[in-house]
Amino acid sequence: MVLLHWCLLWLLFPLSSRTQKLPTRDEELFQMQIRDKAFFHDSSVIPDGAEISSYLFRDTPKRYFFVVEEDNTPLSVTVTPCDAPLEWKLSLQELPEDTSGEGSGDLEPLEQQKQQIINEEGTELFSYKGNDVEYFISSSSPSGLYQLDLLSTEKDTHFKVYATTTPESDQPYPELPYDPRVDVTSLGRTTVTLAWKPSPTASLLKQPIQYCVVINKEHNFKSLCAVEAKLSADDAFMMAPKPGLDFSPFDFAHFGFPSDNSGKEPSFQAKPSPKLGRHVYSRPKVDIQKICIGNKNIFTVSDLKPDTQYYFDVFVVNVNSNMSTAYVGTFARTKEEAKQKTVELKDGKVTDVFVKRKGAKFLRFAPVSSHQKVTFFIHSCLDAVQIQVRRDGKLLLSQNVEGIQQFQLRGKPKAKYLIRLKGNKKGASMLKILATTRPTKQSFPSLPEDTRIKAFDKLRTCSSATVAWLGTQERNKFCIYKKEVDDNYNEDQKRREQNQCLGPDIRKKSEKVLCKYFHSQNLQKAVTTETIKGLQPGKSYLLDVYVIGHGGHSVKYQSKVVKTRKFC
């Protein structure tokens, strides 16, 4: 065994600027060395019982070594490709005999032993090519120097390697249940519910685990390492290893650094060395989502797009070791969006429309006679809505509407108009719409730009409040209403009262203060004031002003809360 250590140390001497102690499970310093990640950065030695992460340049092979000290030792080696398929093989090196000359036990010259190890390929035990997480396992392995050769022929890539001589007791990777499939238990237009059987690592071994769910539109993933590589693909080139950390001396040579390696490079299907000036990756759009949900084994994915195929993967992660195992992923297509019914608009008639939050409604207007112009009146009762108008498929209008707006479009004989109304993200939208080819008097009243009600604090008394509001050049009827509210009346309650399409006909008669007509040709003087009397001291009141048009349709100004003085 002394010979085995000497051979390995001399073999690796050119690969490092400093001498390193081989980490094995029999050494007292093993746990301390595992915690010190820098110990292995420049090493081609795989520590026993710890996972290492490293980097491969395309078409540039990499070689690692692992020592087994005693015969009949269990051995497990796991290789995890991240973002590209790998070619890898595991070999057992034939070491020189530990006797020489006349059986004196003296070692052969060390330089000769080192050269013999480098020149011989050894006995191949296992090989694999692909992007699956693959492993070699043996219940009884001979002592010796094991050699792992890796190659990526597609692109620069990350990978992980784990090797151990105590696979039964380590169990760093969480176990999968007997049925490792992910099932789709519910499918909607924008949601998918997933379920899977729990990992025995949590239920039987009582080790802390968590599940991570990954959603994307391209394909299923075979490892969490591949997911993380995809998530960070926008900085792929910047994630290349830094000199002195993950580079081997072979990599240094490609960047103009001198290499201590006077021997030959490991030849594992060797190909021409890559040229200087590697490709700098552009910043692709990553359409992938990773959500870690604790130890729940049911999860509903929301905010998906209708009629779209998604791929779903679940990974169980050992919280202590941070190592993971992939369930068998699945895929599903969300349901189609329900076909919208098209509402027919009648010439000159007001139609009420309700649009769900982030939803859409379609309306159709087909004038029965030829026309030169068509006029649309839109009254958005709550938040702004987006309107699009197409004439025989051609887009004529697209803009947001808030309050009351009027659009006049050029007509065309036998033309048909398709109107699309789209709600916003804040909440549902309500509106009134009128389409006509014969606009005479407006069905909706005209409004000033500012529809606020102003209260005069200095004119406030214990029993009255004085307010003012703006009018227009058109003579309209205005009605004012009052309602007592609590002192803690908040914005949410106020928003519910702000539906401008609700007319005075829904108000109690006792809440009505008065109605009056007014207008002014001079817009700067189109303002009116009113004093509301008969109020109680120290009370809050909600005031509303309604303007009523010639067609009987009303619009409510913005509500105003006033409070009377408590002491006068």
Protein backbone atom coordinates (compact mmCIF):
# COMPACT_ATOMS: atom_id res chain seq x y z
CA MET A 1 0.00 0.00 0.00
CA VAL A 2 2.97 2.34 0.58
CA LEU A 3 3.92 1.73 -3.02
CA LEU A 4 0.42 2.66 -4.17
CA HIS A 5 0.62 6.01 -2.38
CA TRP A 6 4.10 6.74 -3.76
CA CYS A 7 2.97 6.00 -7.30
CA LEU A 8 -0.10 8.20 -7.03
CA LEU A 9 1.81 11.08 -5.49
CA TRP A 10 4.49 11.00 -8.19
CA LEU A 11 1.86 10.65 -10.90
CA LEU A 12 0.10 13.79 -9.70
CA PHE A 13 3.24 15.77 -8.89
CA PRO A 14 3.26 17.61 -12.25
CA LEU A 15 -0.45 18.47 -11.85
CA SER A 16 0.02 20.75 -8.87
CA SER A 17 2.47 23.35 -7.64
CA ARG A 18 2.20 21.96 -4.12
CA THR A 19 2.21 18.47 -2.61
CA GLN A 20 -1.22 17.36 -1.39
CA LYS A 21 -2.16 14.62 1.01
CA LEU A 22 -4.49 12.04 -0.49
CA PRO A 23 -7.91 12.23 1.18
CA THR A 24 -9.17 8.77 2.10
CA ARG A 25 -11.88 7.61 4.46
CA ASP A 26 -9.24 6.19 6.83
CA GLU A 27 -7.56 9.51 7.46
CA GLU A 28 -8.32 11.53 10.57
CA LEU A 29 -8.24 14.82 8.69
CA PHE A 30 -10.78 13.75 6.08
CA GLN A 31 -13.74 15.72 7.47
CA MET A 32 -11.63 18.85 7.91
CA GLN A 33 -10.36 18.53 4.33
CA ILE A 34 -13.89 18.09 2.97
CA ARG A 35 -14.97 21.31 4.65
CA ASP A 36 -12.01 23.10 3.09
CA LYS A 37 -13.18 23.10 -0.56
CA ALA A 38 -9.97 24.82 -1.72
CA PHE A 39 -8.09 21.64 -0.83
CA PHE A 40 -9.45 19.90 -3.95
CA HIS A 41 -9.61 22.79 -6.42
CA ASP A 42 -6.25 22.15 -8.02
CA SER A 43 -6.32 18.42 -7.43
CA SER A 44 -7.02 15.60 -9.87
CA VAL A 45 -7.79 13.35 -6.91
CA ILE A 46 -11.42 12.51 -6.14
CA PRO A 47 -11.93 12.51 -2.36
CA ASP A 48 -13.64 9.47 -0.88
CA GLY A 49 -17.25 10.27 0.08
CA ALA A 50 -17.58 13.85 -1.22
CA GLU A 51 -19.08 15.27 -4.40
CA ILE A 52 -16.86 17.52 -6.51
CA SER A 53 -17.95 20.02 -9.18
CA SER A 54 -15.72 20.85 -12.12
CA TYR A 55 -15.64 22.25 -15.64
CA LEU A 56 -14.85 20.77 -19.06
CA PHE A 57 -13.82 22.71 -22.14
CA ARG A 58 -15.17 21.25 -25.37
CA ASP A 59 -12.95 18.55 -26.90
CA THR A 60 -10.50 18.83 -23.99
CA PRO A 61 -10.35 15.60 -21.93
CA LYS A 62 -9.97 15.65 -18.18
CA ARG A 63 -8.64 12.89 -15.94
CA TYR A 64 -9.26 12.15 -12.27
CA PHE A 65 -7.86 9.50 -9.93
CA PHE A 66 -9.34 7.59 -7.03
CA VAL A 67 -7.45 5.21 -4.76
CA VAL A 68 -8.80 2.00 -3.23
CA GLU A 69 -6.44 0.80 -0.50
CA GLU A 70 -7.67 -2.74 0.18
CA ASP A 71 -8.97 -5.62 -1.88
CA ASN A 72 -12.64 -6.63 -1.76
CA THR A 73 -13.72 -3.02 -1.09
CA PRO A 74 -17.15 -1.76 -2.26
CA LEU A 75 -16.87 1.03 -4.83
CA SER A 76 -19.44 3.45 -6.27
CA VAL A 77 -18.72 6.24 -8.77
CA THR A 78 -21.49 8.61 -9.93
CA VAL A 79 -21.09 11.15 -12.76
CA THR A 80 -23.70 13.90 -13.22
CA PRO A 81 -23.62 15.83 -16.53
CA CYS A 82 -25.01 19.34 -16.21
CA ASP A 83 -25.77 21.16 -19.46
CA ALA A 84 -24.20 18.84 -22.07
CA PRO A 85 -23.77 15.08 -22.69
CA LEU A 86 -20.51 13.55 -21.51
CA GLU A 87 -18.31 10.66 -22.57
CA TRP A 88 -16.65 9.03 -19.59
CA LYS A 89 -14.92 5.81 -18.68
CA LEU A 90 -13.54 4.27 -15.51
CA SER A 91 -10.32 2.22 -15.63
CA LEU A 92 -8.17 0.34 -13.14
CA GLN A 93 -4.47 1.05 -13.49
CA GLU A 94 -1.99 -1.84 -13.47
CA LEU A 95 0.64 -0.77 -10.95
CA PRO A 96 4.28 -1.96 -11.05
CA GLU A 97 5.31 -4.84 -8.83
CA ASP A 98 6.47 -3.79 -5.34
CA THR A 99 9.69 -5.82 -5.61
CA SER A 100 12.74 -5.36 -7.77
CA GLY A 101 16.17 -6.82 -8.29
CA GLU A 102 16.72 -9.79 -6.01
CA GLY A 103 13.56 -9.43 -3.96
CA SER A 104 15.10 -6.90 -1.66
CA GLY A 105 11.85 -4.91 -1.61
CA ASP A 106 13.53 -1.80 -3.00
CA LEU A 107 11.33 0.33 -5.21
CA GLU A 108 12.00 0.82 -8.88
CA PRO A 109 13.16 4.32 -9.79
CA LEU A 110 10.17 6.61 -9.20
CA GLU A 111 10.48 8.33 -12.57
CA GLN A 112 10.26 4.96 -14.27
CA GLN A 113 7.14 3.99 -12.24
CA LYS A 114 5.44 7.29 -13.05
CA GLN A 115 6.13 6.91 -16.76
CA GLN A 116 4.79 3.35 -16.70
CA ILE A 117 1.49 4.50 -15.14
CA ILE A 118 1.09 7.33 -17.65
CA ASN A 119 1.79 5.14 -20.66
CA GLU A 120 -0.59 2.34 -19.74
CA GLU A 121 -4.31 2.83 -20.23
CA GLY A 122 -5.26 0.22 -17.64
CA THR A 123 -8.25 -2.12 -17.61
CA GLU A 124 -11.52 -0.47 -18.63
CA LEU A 125 -14.28 -1.22 -16.11
CA PHE A 126 -17.16 0.94 -17.36
CA SER A 127 -17.91 3.53 -20.02
CA TYR A 128 -20.90 5.72 -20.84
CA LYS A 129 -21.92 8.39 -23.34
CA GLY A 130 -24.98 10.59 -22.79
CA ASN A 131 -26.57 13.12 -20.45
CA ASP A 132 -28.10 10.75 -17.87
CA VAL A 133 -26.90 10.60 -14.29
CA GLU A 134 -24.98 7.32 -14.57
CA TYR A 135 -23.01 5.31 -12.04
CA PHE A 136 -20.61 2.39 -11.67
CA ILE A 137 -21.04 0.21 -8.59
CA SER A 138 -19.19 -2.88 -7.41
CA SER A 139 -19.63 -4.75 -4.15
CA SER A 140 -16.05 -6.01 -4.23
CA SER A 141 -13.28 -4.09 -5.99
CA PRO A 142 -9.55 -4.79 -6.00
CA SER A 143 -7.15 -2.32 -4.48
CA GLY A 144 -5.44 -0.02 -6.91
CA LEU A 145 -5.51 3.29 -8.67
CA TYR A 146 -8.79 4.01 -10.46
CA GLN A 147 -8.76 6.46 -13.35
CA LEU A 148 -11.80 8.48 -14.52
CA ASP A 149 -11.58 10.12 -17.98
CA LEU A 150 -14.21 12.65 -19.09
CA LEU A 151 -14.83 14.43 -22.40
CA SER A 152 -17.45 16.85 -23.73
CA THR A 153 -17.71 17.00 -27.53
CA GLU A 154 -20.66 19.43 -27.75
CA LYS A 155 -19.68 22.47 -25.69
CA ASP A 156 -17.98 23.74 -22.55
CA THR A 157 -19.87 22.33 -19.61
CA HIS A 158 -20.05 21.74 -15.87
CA PHE A 159 -20.29 18.30 -14.28
CA LYS A 160 -20.23 16.62 -10.87
CA VAL A 161 -18.48 13.45 -9.66
CA TYR A 162 -19.07 11.45 -6.50
CA ALA A 163 -17.00 8.42 -5.46
CA THR A 164 -17.13 6.38 -2.27
CA THR A 165 -15.89 3.11 -0.79
CA THR A 166 -18.77 3.04 1.72
CA PRO A 167 -21.89 3.35 -0.48
CA GLU A 168 -24.17 1.52 1.97
CA SER A 169 -23.56 3.87 4.88
CA ASP A 170 -23.12 7.14 2.94
CA GLN A 171 -26.42 7.37 1.03
CA PRO A 172 -25.84 11.05 0.10
CA TYR A 173 -28.40 10.97 -2.71
CA PRO A 174 -32.05 10.86 -1.58
CA GLU A 175 -33.87 7.65 -2.44
CA LEU A 176 -36.83 7.50 -4.82
CA PRO A 177 -40.05 5.62 -4.01
CA TYR A 178 -40.94 2.40 -5.82
CA ASP A 179 -43.04 4.48 -8.22
CA PRO A 180 -40.89 7.54 -9.06
CA ARG A 181 -43.31 9.11 -11.55
CA VAL A 182 -44.76 12.61 -11.30
CA ASP A 183 -48.52 12.57 -11.92
CA VAL A 184 -50.78 15.34 -13.24
CA THR A 185 -53.86 15.22 -11.02
CA SER A 186 -55.65 18.35 -12.26
CA LEU A 187 -55.44 20.34 -15.48
CA GLY A 188 -56.88 23.77 -16.22
CA ARG A 189 -56.35 26.65 -18.62
CA THR A 190 -53.73 28.35 -16.43
CA THR A 191 -53.04 25.79 -13.68
CA VAL A 192 -51.63 22.26 -13.38
CA THR A 193 -51.64 20.25 -10.15
CA LEU A 194 -48.80 17.73 -9.66
CA ALA A 195 -48.45 14.89 -7.16
CA TRP A 196 -45.73 12.33 -6.44
CA LYS A 197 -44.97 9.66 -3.84
CA PRO A 198 -42.75 10.78 -0.95
CA SER A 199 -39.08 9.84 -0.79
CA PRO A 200 -38.15 7.04 1.66
CA THR A 201 -35.25 9.23 2.74
CA ALA A 202 -37.73 11.35 4.69
CA SER A 203 -40.30 8.73 5.73
CA LEU A 204 -37.95 5.85 6.65
CA LEU A 205 -34.47 7.29 7.14
CA LYS A 206 -35.80 10.45 8.82
CA GLN A 207 -33.34 12.67 6.97
CA PRO A 208 -34.33 16.27 6.17
CA ILE A 209 -35.34 16.70 2.53
CA GLN A 210 -37.11 19.23 0.36
CA TYR A 211 -38.73 19.00 -3.07
CA CYS A 212 -37.98 21.40 -5.93
CA VAL A 213 -40.39 21.69 -8.87
CA VAL A 214 -39.09 22.84 -12.27
CA ILE A 215 -41.35 24.12 -15.06
CA ASN A 216 -40.29 24.88 -18.64
CA LYS A 217 -41.56 24.64 -22.23
CA GLU A 218 -38.64 22.74 -23.84
CA HIS A 219 -37.93 19.33 -22.28
CA ASN A 220 -37.60 17.38 -19.06
CA PHE A 221 -34.38 17.61 -17.06
CA LYS A 222 -32.42 14.65 -15.70
CA SER A 223 -30.59 16.45 -12.90
CA LEU A 224 -30.90 19.57 -10.78
CA CYS A 225 -27.40 20.41 -11.93
CA ALA A 226 -28.75 20.68 -15.51
CA VAL A 227 -31.54 22.97 -14.30
CA GLU A 228 -29.13 25.28 -12.50
CA ALA A 229 -26.88 25.38 -15.56
CA LYS A 230 -29.86 26.41 -17.69
CA LEU A 231 -30.93 29.07 -15.19
CA SER A 232 -27.46 30.61 -15.29
CA ALA A 233 -26.99 30.18 -19.04
CA ASP A 234 -27.09 33.94 -19.57
CA ASP A 235 -23.72 34.18 -17.79
CA ALA A 236 -22.32 30.91 -19.13
CA PHE A 237 -18.98 32.27 -20.28
CA MET A 238 -18.47 34.29 -17.10
CA MET A 239 -19.01 31.11 -15.10
CA ALA A 240 -15.98 29.45 -16.67
CA PRO A 241 -13.46 28.47 -13.96
CA LYS A 242 -10.85 30.92 -12.78
CA PRO A 243 -7.14 30.08 -13.04
CA GLY A 244 -5.90 28.44 -9.86
CA LEU A 245 -9.31 27.09 -8.92
CA ASP A 246 -10.85 24.71 -11.47
CA PHE A 247 -8.31 24.75 -14.31
CA SER A 248 -5.97 21.83 -14.75
CA PRO A 249 -2.46 22.42 -16.18
CA PHE A 250 -3.82 21.08 -19.49
CA ASP A 251 -6.32 23.96 -19.54
CA PHE A 252 -3.58 26.47 -18.68
CA ALA A 253 -1.65 25.45 -21.78
CA HIS A 254 -4.54 26.43 -24.03
CA PHE A 255 -4.53 29.97 -22.58
CA GLY A 256 -0.80 30.53 -23.00
CA PHE A 257 0.30 29.45 -19.51
CA PRO A 258 3.31 27.14 -19.25
CA SER A 259 2.50 23.63 -18.08
CA ASP A 260 4.65 21.59 -15.74
CA ASN A 261 3.51 18.49 -17.58
CA SER A 262 6.48 17.24 -19.57
CA GLY A 263 4.74 13.97 -20.36
CA LYS A 264 1.86 13.32 -22.65
CA GLU A 265 -1.69 14.49 -22.02
CA PRO A 266 -4.20 11.78 -21.14
CA SER A 267 -5.49 10.37 -24.38
CA PHE A 268 -9.19 9.71 -24.07
CA GLN A 269 -10.42 9.87 -27.67
CA ALA A 270 -8.13 12.88 -27.94
CA LYS A 271 -9.06 15.51 -30.49
CA PRO A 272 -7.29 18.66 -31.75
CA SER A 273 -6.84 21.25 -29.04
CA PRO A 274 -9.27 24.18 -29.22
CA LYS A 275 -7.89 27.42 -30.57
CA LEU A 276 -7.45 30.63 -28.65
CA GLY A 277 -10.40 32.99 -28.60
CA ARG A 278 -13.25 30.83 -27.36
CA HIS A 279 -16.78 31.72 -28.27
CA VAL A 280 -18.37 34.21 -25.87
CA TYR A 281 -21.97 33.12 -25.40
CA SER A 282 -24.74 35.57 -26.12
CA ARG A 283 -27.41 36.19 -23.47
CA PRO A 284 -30.28 33.82 -24.25
CA LYS A 285 -33.74 34.16 -22.82
CA VAL A 286 -34.22 31.56 -20.09
CA ASP A 287 -37.84 30.43 -19.89
CA ILE A 288 -37.61 28.14 -16.88
CA GLN A 289 -38.88 28.33 -13.32
CA LYS A 290 -37.59 26.50 -10.23
CA ILE A 291 -39.68 26.46 -7.03
CA CYS A 292 -38.61 24.68 -3.84
CA ILE A 293 -41.66 23.84 -1.72
CA GLY A 294 -40.37 22.08 1.41
CA ASN A 295 -41.54 18.51 2.06
CA LYS A 296 -45.00 18.73 0.44
CA ASN A 297 -45.60 16.17 -2.32
CA ILE A 298 -48.54 17.99 -3.98
CA PHE A 299 -48.14 21.30 -5.78
CA THR A 300 -50.27 23.47 -8.06
CA VAL A 301 -48.46 25.45 -10.74
CA SER A 302 -50.33 28.65 -11.61
CA ASP A 303 -50.11 31.58 -14.04
CA LEU A 304 -49.54 29.30 -17.04
CA LYS A 305 -50.62 30.15 -20.58
CA PRO A 306 -53.68 28.40 -22.07
CA ASP A 307 -53.21 25.76 -24.77
CA THR A 308 -49.45 25.52 -24.08
CA GLN A 309 -47.32 22.43 -23.46
CA TYR A 310 -45.20 22.48 -20.30
CA TYR A 311 -42.64 20.03 -18.90
CA PHE A 312 -42.63 19.36 -15.16
CA ASP A 313 -39.78 17.87 -13.11
CA VAL A 314 -39.49 17.16 -9.39
CA PHE A 315 -36.19 16.80 -7.54
CA VAL A 316 -35.78 15.57 -3.98
CA VAL A 317 -32.87 17.33 -2.25
CA ASN A 318 -31.03 16.10 0.84
CA VAL A 319 -30.87 19.26 2.95
CA ASN A 320 -27.73 18.07 4.79
CA SER A 321 -25.63 17.12 1.75
CA ASN A 322 -27.39 19.38 -0.80
CA MET A 323 -27.33 16.43 -3.22
CA SER A 324 -30.43 15.61 -5.24
CA THR A 325 -32.23 12.88 -7.17
CA ALA A 326 -34.65 13.36 -10.05
CA TYR A 327 -38.13 11.86 -10.20
CA VAL A 328 -39.41 10.75 -13.62
CA GLY A 329 -40.73 14.00 -15.05
CA THR A 330 -43.95 14.52 -16.98
CA PHE A 331 -45.52 16.97 -19.40
CA ALA A 332 -48.99 18.34 -20.06
CA ARG A 333 -50.79 20.83 -22.28
CA THR A 334 -53.01 23.36 -20.57
CA LYS A 335 -56.61 23.60 -21.70
CA GLU A 336 -57.63 25.99 -24.44
CA GLU A 337 -59.04 29.38 -23.58
CA ALA A 338 -62.83 29.25 -23.62
CA LYS A 339 -64.08 30.65 -26.89
CA GLN A 340 -65.46 34.11 -26.39
CA LYS A 341 -69.01 34.82 -27.41
CA THR A 342 -69.27 37.88 -29.61
CA VAL A 343 -71.84 40.42 -28.42
CA GLU A 344 -73.84 42.13 -31.19
CA LEU A 345 -74.15 45.91 -30.82
CA LYS A 346 -77.30 47.59 -32.06
CA ASP A 347 -77.13 51.01 -33.69
CA GLY A 348 -77.75 53.73 -31.10
CA LYS A 349 -78.31 51.40 -28.13
CA VAL A 350 -76.16 51.39 -24.99
CA THR A 351 -74.75 47.96 -24.03
CA ASP A 352 -73.36 47.07 -20.59
CA VAL A 353 -70.14 45.00 -20.67
CA PHE A 354 -68.30 43.18 -17.85
CA VAL A 355 -64.66 42.14 -18.39
CA LYS A 356 -62.84 39.84 -15.96
CA ARG A 357 -59.45 40.76 -14.52
CA LYS A 358 -56.91 40.35 -17.35
CA GLY A 359 -59.74 38.98 -19.47
CA ALA A 360 -61.17 40.06 -22.83
CA LYS A 361 -64.57 40.57 -24.48
CA PHE A 362 -65.44 40.77 -28.18
CA LEU A 363 -68.25 42.85 -29.66
CA ARG A 364 -69.47 43.17 -33.23
CA PHE A 365 -71.14 46.10 -34.93
CA ALA A 366 -72.62 45.60 -38.40
CA PRO A 367 -74.58 48.68 -39.60
CA VAL A 368 -77.63 47.74 -41.70
CA SER A 369 -77.21 50.71 -44.05
CA SER A 370 -74.35 52.45 -45.82
CA HIS A 371 -72.64 55.10 -43.70
CA GLN A 372 -69.94 57.70 -43.94
CA LYS A 373 -68.92 57.67 -40.29
CA VAL A 374 -69.36 55.48 -37.23
CA THR A 375 -69.12 56.83 -33.69
CA PHE A 376 -68.25 54.82 -30.58
CA PHE A 377 -69.04 56.14 -27.09
CA ILE A 378 -67.13 54.30 -24.32
CA HIS A 379 -67.74 54.82 -20.61
CA SER A 380 -65.26 52.93 -18.39
CA CYS A 381 -66.90 52.63 -14.97
CA LEU A 382 -63.86 51.60 -12.91
CA ASP A 383 -60.25 51.30 -14.07
CA ALA A 384 -58.96 51.91 -17.57
CA VAL A 385 -59.64 49.31 -20.28
CA GLN A 386 -57.93 48.76 -23.61
CA ILE A 387 -60.05 48.99 -26.75
CA GLN A 388 -59.19 47.77 -30.25
CA VAL A 389 -61.46 48.36 -33.26
CA ARG A 390 -60.99 46.50 -36.55
CA ARG A 391 -62.95 47.13 -39.73
CA ASP A 392 -63.08 44.04 -41.92
CA GLY A 393 -59.91 42.78 -40.23
CA LYS A 394 -57.95 46.04 -40.50
CA LEU A 395 -56.89 47.65 -37.22
CA LEU A 396 -58.30 51.20 -36.99
CA LEU A 397 -57.97 52.01 -33.30
CA SER A 398 -56.00 50.75 -30.26
CA GLN A 399 -55.76 52.71 -27.00
CA ASN A 400 -56.66 52.78 -23.31
CA VAL A 401 -59.95 54.33 -22.19
CA GLU A 402 -60.59 55.92 -18.80
CA GLY A 403 -63.85 57.69 -17.93
CA ILE A 404 -65.92 58.69 -20.99
CA GLN A 405 -64.37 58.89 -24.45
CA GLN A 406 -65.76 59.23 -27.96
CA PHE A 407 -64.17 57.90 -31.18
CA GLN A 408 -65.32 58.75 -34.68
CA LEU A 409 -64.08 56.52 -37.51
CA ARG A 410 -64.51 56.72 -41.27
CA GLY A 411 -67.21 54.40 -42.53
CA LYS A 412 -67.33 52.02 -45.47
CA PRO A 413 -70.34 50.43 -47.24
CA LYS A 414 -71.31 47.04 -45.79
CA ALA A 415 -68.37 47.20 -43.37
CA LYS A 416 -68.32 45.13 -40.19
CA TYR A 417 -66.54 46.26 -37.02
CA LEU A 418 -64.97 43.96 -34.42
CA ILE A 419 -64.33 45.53 -31.00
CA ARG A 420 -61.98 43.88 -28.50
CA LEU A 421 -62.06 45.06 -24.88
CA LYS A 422 -59.23 43.93 -22.59
CA GLY A 423 -59.32 44.26 -18.80
CA ASN A 424 -56.35 45.33 -16.69
CA LYS A 425 -54.33 43.54 -14.02
CA LYS A 426 -55.83 45.40 -11.05
CA GLY A 427 -59.32 43.96 -11.17
CA ALA A 428 -62.50 43.40 -13.16
CA SER A 429 -63.72 46.15 -15.49
CA MET A 430 -67.23 47.43 -16.15
CA LEU A 431 -68.17 49.72 -18.99
CA LYS A 432 -70.96 51.00 -21.20
CA ILE A 433 -70.53 51.17 -24.97
CA LEU A 434 -72.66 52.69 -27.72
CA ALA A 435 -72.04 52.46 -31.47
CA THR A 436 -74.01 54.53 -33.95
CA THR A 437 -73.93 55.78 -37.53
CA ARG A 438 -76.32 58.68 -36.70
CA PRO A 439 -74.88 60.68 -33.80
CA THR A 440 -77.21 63.54 -32.85
CA LYS A 441 -77.33 64.51 -29.21
CA GLN A 442 -74.82 62.65 -27.12
CA SER A 443 -76.24 59.74 -25.17
CA PHE A 444 -73.58 60.27 -22.52
CA PRO A 445 -73.12 63.60 -20.74
CA SER A 446 -69.96 65.56 -21.41
CA LEU A 447 -67.49 65.72 -18.54
CA PRO A 448 -64.75 68.15 -17.49
CA GLU A 449 -61.18 66.93 -17.38
CA ASP A 450 -61.25 67.08 -13.56
CA THR A 451 -64.14 65.19 -11.95
CA ARG A 452 -63.09 65.70 -8.34
CA ILE A 453 -65.30 67.27 -5.68
CA LYS A 454 -63.55 70.01 -3.67
CA ALA A 455 -64.49 70.62 0.00
CA PHE A 456 -63.81 74.01 1.66
CA ASP A 457 -62.34 73.35 5.08
CA LYS A 458 -62.81 76.93 6.32
CA LEU A 459 -66.54 76.82 5.46
CA ARG A 460 -67.03 73.57 7.39
CA THR A 461 -69.36 73.81 10.44
CA CYS A 462 -70.89 71.40 12.94
CA SER A 463 -73.96 70.93 10.72
CA SER A 464 -72.86 71.75 7.15
CA ALA A 465 -70.17 71.32 4.51
CA THR A 466 -69.58 73.41 1.38
CA VAL A 467 -68.31 71.75 -1.80
CA ALA A 468 -67.68 72.70 -5.44
CA TRP A 469 -67.25 70.86 -8.77
CA LEU A 470 -66.63 71.69 -12.41
CA GLY A 471 -69.12 71.62 -15.27
CA THR A 472 -68.91 72.01 -19.08
CA GLN A 473 -70.29 74.22 -21.86
CA GLU A 474 -73.18 71.80 -22.27
CA ARG A 475 -76.22 72.27 -20.07
CA ASN A 476 -76.57 69.17 -17.88
CA LYS A 477 -78.47 68.11 -14.80
CA PHE A 478 -76.45 67.57 -11.60
CA CYS A 479 -77.67 65.73 -8.51
CA ILE A 480 -75.83 65.55 -5.19
CA TYR A 481 -76.23 62.78 -2.60
CA LYS A 482 -74.87 62.28 0.92
CA LYS A 483 -74.38 59.18 3.12
CA GLU A 484 -73.05 58.95 6.66
CA VAL A 485 -70.01 56.66 6.99
CA ASP A 486 -67.75 55.49 9.82
CA ASP A 487 -64.68 57.47 10.79
CA ASN A 488 -62.48 54.53 9.68
CA TYR A 489 -63.90 54.57 6.14
CA ASN A 490 -60.95 53.32 4.04
CA GLU A 491 -59.77 53.26 0.44
CA ASP A 492 -61.09 49.73 -0.23
CA GLN A 493 -64.61 50.82 0.74
CA LYS A 494 -64.18 53.99 -1.27
CA ARG A 495 -63.14 51.97 -4.34
CA ARG A 496 -66.33 49.91 -4.12
CA GLU A 497 -68.28 53.16 -4.17
CA GLN A 498 -66.38 54.46 -7.21
CA ASN A 499 -68.35 52.66 -9.95
CA GLN A 500 -69.15 55.62 -12.21
CA CYS A 501 -71.81 53.65 -14.07
CA LEU A 502 -74.05 53.23 -11.05
CA GLY A 503 -76.74 55.91 -11.33
CA PRO A 504 -78.71 57.82 -8.68
CA ASP A 505 -81.64 55.43 -9.16
CA ILE A 506 -79.95 52.95 -6.77
CA ARG A 507 -79.64 55.55 -3.98
CA LYS A 508 -82.08 55.96 -1.12
CA LYS A 509 -84.42 58.97 -1.35
CA SER A 510 -83.23 60.11 2.09
CA GLU A 511 -79.66 60.46 0.74
CA LYS A 512 -80.65 62.95 -1.99
CA VAL A 513 -79.68 66.56 -1.27
CA LEU A 514 -80.80 68.35 -4.49
CA CYS A 515 -80.63 68.43 -8.31
CA LYS A 516 -79.89 71.46 -10.48
CA TYR A 517 -78.90 72.46 -14.01
CA PHE A 518 -75.88 74.57 -14.87
CA HIS A 519 -73.29 75.26 -17.61
CA SER A 520 -71.04 78.06 -18.82
CA GLN A 521 -69.66 78.98 -22.23
CA ASN A 522 -66.54 80.17 -20.41
CA LEU A 523 -64.93 76.97 -19.11
CA GLN A 524 -62.97 78.92 -16.48
CA LYS A 525 -66.30 79.92 -14.94
CA ALA A 526 -67.99 76.53 -15.34
CA VAL A 527 -67.90 75.80 -11.61
CA THR A 528 -70.71 75.55 -9.09
CA THR A 529 -70.80 75.38 -5.29
CA GLU A 530 -73.34 73.90 -2.91
CA THR A 531 -73.73 73.85 0.87
CA ILE A 532 -75.05 70.59 2.33
CA LYS A 533 -76.96 71.30 5.54
CA GLY A 534 -78.61 69.23 8.24
CA LEU A 535 -75.50 67.25 9.12
CA GLN A 536 -74.55 65.95 12.59
CA PRO A 537 -71.54 67.32 14.54
CA GLY A 538 -68.31 65.29 14.37
CA LYS A 539 -69.66 62.89 11.75
CA SER A 540 -68.17 61.72 8.40
CA TYR A 541 -70.21 61.84 5.18
CA LEU A 542 -69.67 60.41 1.71
CA LEU A 543 -70.69 62.93 -0.96
CA ASP A 544 -71.49 61.98 -4.57
CA VAL A 545 -72.31 64.16 -7.58
CA TYR A 546 -74.09 62.64 -10.61
CA VAL A 547 -74.31 64.35 -14.01
CA ILE A 548 -77.21 63.15 -16.18
CA GLY A 549 -77.12 63.41 -19.98
CA HIS A 550 -79.88 63.92 -22.55
CA GLY A 551 -80.30 60.20 -23.08
CA GLY A 552 -80.82 59.63 -19.35
CA HIS A 553 -77.39 58.05 -18.80
CA SER A 554 -75.54 59.30 -15.74
CA VAL A 555 -71.90 59.56 -14.72
CA LYS A 556 -70.71 59.86 -11.14
CA TYR A 557 -67.92 62.22 -10.13
CA GLN A 558 -65.19 61.01 -7.78
CA SER A 559 -66.60 60.51 -4.30
CA LYS A 560 -65.56 62.83 -1.46
CA VAL A 561 -65.55 62.20 2.29
CA VAL A 562 -66.09 65.25 4.54
CA LYS A 563 -66.29 65.49 8.31
CA THR A 564 -68.23 68.14 10.23
CA ARG A 565 -66.70 69.99 13.15
CA LYS A 566 -67.28 68.41 16.54
CA PHE A 567 -67.37 71.69 18.47
CA CYS A 568 -68.60 75.04 17.18
